[in-house]
N, C-alpha and C. Protein backbone atom coordinates (compact mmCIF):
# COMPACT_ATOMS: atom_id res chain seq x y z
N UNK A 1 59.63 -5.60 -49.37
CA UNK A 1 60.33 -7.13 -48.44
C UNK A 1 60.37 -6.24 -47.27
N UNK A 2 60.25 -7.53 -46.73
CA UNK A 2 60.94 -7.70 -45.20
C UNK A 2 62.41 -7.54 -44.93
N UNK A 3 62.37 -7.07 -43.78
CA UNK A 3 63.75 -6.53 -42.98
C UNK A 3 63.93 -7.68 -41.92
N UNK A 4 63.95 -9.10 -41.71
CA UNK A 4 64.29 -9.15 -40.38
C UNK A 4 65.62 -9.22 -40.16
N UNK A 5 66.06 -9.21 -38.28
CA UNK A 5 67.08 -9.18 -38.32
C UNK A 5 67.85 -10.23 -38.02
N UNK A 6 67.70 -11.28 -38.62
CA UNK A 6 68.85 -12.49 -39.09
C UNK A 6 69.51 -12.14 -39.56
N UNK A 7 70.66 -12.57 -40.05
CA UNK A 7 71.47 -12.64 -41.34
C UNK A 7 71.24 -13.06 -42.24
N UNK A 8 70.29 -13.10 -42.73
CA UNK A 8 69.52 -13.89 -44.53
C UNK A 8 69.25 -12.75 -44.99
N UNK A 9 69.84 -12.83 -45.90
CA UNK A 9 69.25 -12.55 -47.36
C UNK A 9 68.56 -13.23 -48.32
N UNK A 10 67.40 -12.91 -48.69
CA UNK A 10 66.74 -13.65 -49.66
C UNK A 10 66.18 -12.87 -50.56
N UNK A 11 66.64 -12.72 -52.19
CA UNK A 11 66.10 -12.49 -53.28
C UNK A 11 65.63 -13.52 -54.31
N UNK A 12 65.24 -13.22 -55.10
CA UNK A 12 64.23 -14.31 -56.19
C UNK A 12 65.12 -13.40 -57.26
N UNK A 13 65.34 -14.15 -57.93
CA UNK A 13 66.00 -13.60 -59.59
C UNK A 13 65.89 -15.01 -60.71
N UNK A 14 65.73 -14.29 -61.93
CA UNK A 14 65.71 -15.05 -62.96
C UNK A 14 66.29 -16.59 -63.20
N UNK A 15 65.67 -17.85 -63.19
CA UNK A 15 66.28 -19.60 -63.19
C UNK A 15 67.32 -19.19 -63.99
N UNK A 16 67.80 -18.38 -65.41
CA UNK A 16 68.90 -18.40 -66.06
C UNK A 16 69.77 -17.43 -64.88
N UNK A 17 69.55 -16.22 -64.91
CA UNK A 17 70.52 -16.19 -64.32
C UNK A 17 71.27 -16.43 -62.87
N UNK A 18 70.15 -17.01 -62.39
CA UNK A 18 70.98 -18.00 -61.21
C UNK A 18 71.77 -19.25 -61.92
N UNK A 19 71.70 -20.00 -62.42
CA UNK A 19 72.41 -20.50 -63.55
C UNK A 19 73.42 -20.49 -64.31
N UNK A 20 73.18 -19.02 -65.17
CA UNK A 20 74.79 -18.14 -65.48
C UNK A 20 75.27 -17.99 -64.07
N UNK A 21 75.15 -17.84 -62.49
CA UNK A 21 75.64 -17.35 -61.44
C UNK A 21 76.74 -17.88 -60.89
N UNK A 22 75.86 -19.30 -60.93
CA UNK A 22 76.49 -20.26 -60.34
C UNK A 22 77.38 -20.72 -61.17
N UNK A 23 77.49 -21.23 -61.97
CA UNK A 23 78.61 -21.53 -63.40
C UNK A 23 79.78 -20.57 -63.55
N UNK A 24 79.41 -19.23 -63.46
CA UNK A 24 80.50 -18.69 -63.05
C UNK A 24 81.57 -18.47 -61.67
N UNK A 25 80.10 -18.82 -61.20
CA UNK A 25 81.07 -18.86 -59.61
C UNK A 25 81.89 -20.21 -59.49
N UNK A 26 81.36 -21.26 -59.82
CA UNK A 26 82.30 -22.75 -59.98
C UNK A 26 84.06 -22.22 -60.73
N UNK A 27 83.40 -22.06 -61.75
CA UNK A 27 84.81 -21.53 -62.22
C UNK A 27 85.95 -20.40 -61.70
N UNK A 28 85.10 -19.81 -60.67
CA UNK A 28 86.67 -19.05 -59.90
C UNK A 28 86.52 -19.84 -58.89
N UNK A 29 85.83 -20.97 -58.39
CA UNK A 29 86.26 -21.96 -56.90
C UNK A 29 85.39 -21.11 -56.17
N UNK A 30 84.28 -20.16 -55.90
CA UNK A 30 83.88 -19.35 -55.15
C UNK A 30 82.14 -20.00 -54.94
N UNK A 31 81.69 -19.70 -54.12
CA UNK A 31 80.55 -20.01 -53.58
C UNK A 31 79.80 -18.80 -53.76
N UNK A 32 78.60 -18.46 -53.55
CA UNK A 32 77.91 -17.52 -53.76
C UNK A 32 77.61 -16.48 -52.09
N UNK A 33 77.33 -17.27 -51.24
CA UNK A 33 78.16 -16.51 -50.28
C UNK A 33 79.51 -15.70 -49.77
N UNK A 34 80.58 -16.19 -50.43
CA UNK A 34 81.36 -15.74 -50.26
C UNK A 34 81.27 -14.27 -51.49
N UNK A 35 81.19 -14.57 -52.62
CA UNK A 35 81.37 -13.45 -53.56
C UNK A 35 79.67 -12.31 -52.98
N UNK A 36 78.73 -13.08 -52.98
CA UNK A 36 77.90 -11.72 -52.20
C UNK A 36 78.69 -11.04 -50.72
N UNK A 37 79.56 -11.32 -50.11
CA UNK A 37 80.12 -10.84 -48.89
C UNK A 37 81.02 -9.77 -49.91
N UNK A 38 82.12 -10.11 -50.55
CA UNK A 38 83.05 -9.25 -50.99
C UNK A 38 82.60 -8.25 -51.71
N UNK A 39 81.52 -8.04 -52.88
CA UNK A 39 80.63 -7.00 -53.14
C UNK A 39 80.02 -6.43 -52.85
N UNK A 40 79.10 -7.22 -51.20
CA UNK A 40 78.34 -6.12 -50.38
C UNK A 40 79.22 -5.25 -49.38
N UNK A 41 80.41 -6.06 -48.98
CA UNK A 41 81.53 -4.87 -48.26
C UNK A 41 82.42 -4.08 -49.20
N UNK A 42 82.79 -4.63 -50.53
CA UNK A 42 82.79 -3.29 -51.06
C UNK A 42 82.37 -2.21 -51.61
N UNK A 43 80.62 -2.62 -51.77
CA UNK A 43 79.81 -1.38 -51.60
C UNK A 43 79.85 -0.43 -50.47
N UNK A 44 80.04 -1.18 -49.79
CA UNK A 44 79.65 -0.42 -48.69
C UNK A 44 80.79 0.54 -47.51
N UNK A 45 81.83 -0.08 -48.03
CA UNK A 45 83.48 0.67 -47.48
C UNK A 45 82.86 2.28 -47.91
N UNK A 46 83.64 2.87 -47.04
CA UNK A 46 84.55 3.89 -47.61
C UNK A 46 85.52 3.97 -48.21
N UNK A 47 86.03 4.71 -49.22
CA UNK A 47 87.03 4.66 -50.33
C UNK A 47 88.59 4.81 -49.43
N UNK A 48 88.43 5.20 -47.78
CA UNK A 48 89.66 5.12 -47.27
C UNK A 48 89.92 3.72 -46.42
N UNK A 49 88.54 3.24 -46.02
CA UNK A 49 88.93 1.83 -45.77
C UNK A 49 89.18 0.23 -46.72
N UNK A 50 88.61 0.97 -48.21
CA UNK A 50 88.87 -0.02 -49.00
C UNK A 50 90.46 -0.18 -49.16
N UNK A 51 91.02 1.20 -49.13
CA UNK A 51 92.57 1.12 -48.85
C UNK A 51 93.11 0.19 -48.46
N UNK A 52 92.99 0.05 -46.83
CA UNK A 52 93.19 -0.98 -45.74
C UNK A 52 93.02 -2.08 -45.93
N UNK A 53 92.04 -2.40 -46.85
CA UNK A 53 91.88 -3.66 -47.03
C UNK A 53 92.76 -4.18 -47.88
N UNK A 54 93.38 -2.90 -48.23
CA UNK A 54 94.33 -4.20 -50.09
C UNK A 54 95.99 -4.31 -49.29
N UNK A 55 96.30 -3.85 -47.93
CA UNK A 55 97.59 -3.98 -47.49
C UNK A 55 97.61 -5.49 -47.31
């Protein structure tokens, strides 16, 4: 998979999964970008950095 220098991330997922993701995000009042950034930040942050974010 190509890795460009822009800030874009493009992935292909099953259309059924995509529909379920968007439905759940709508219920939570979020969009895909908000959800992804939250998940990605939680994934890459060190444990001590996560503690600082919750303060």
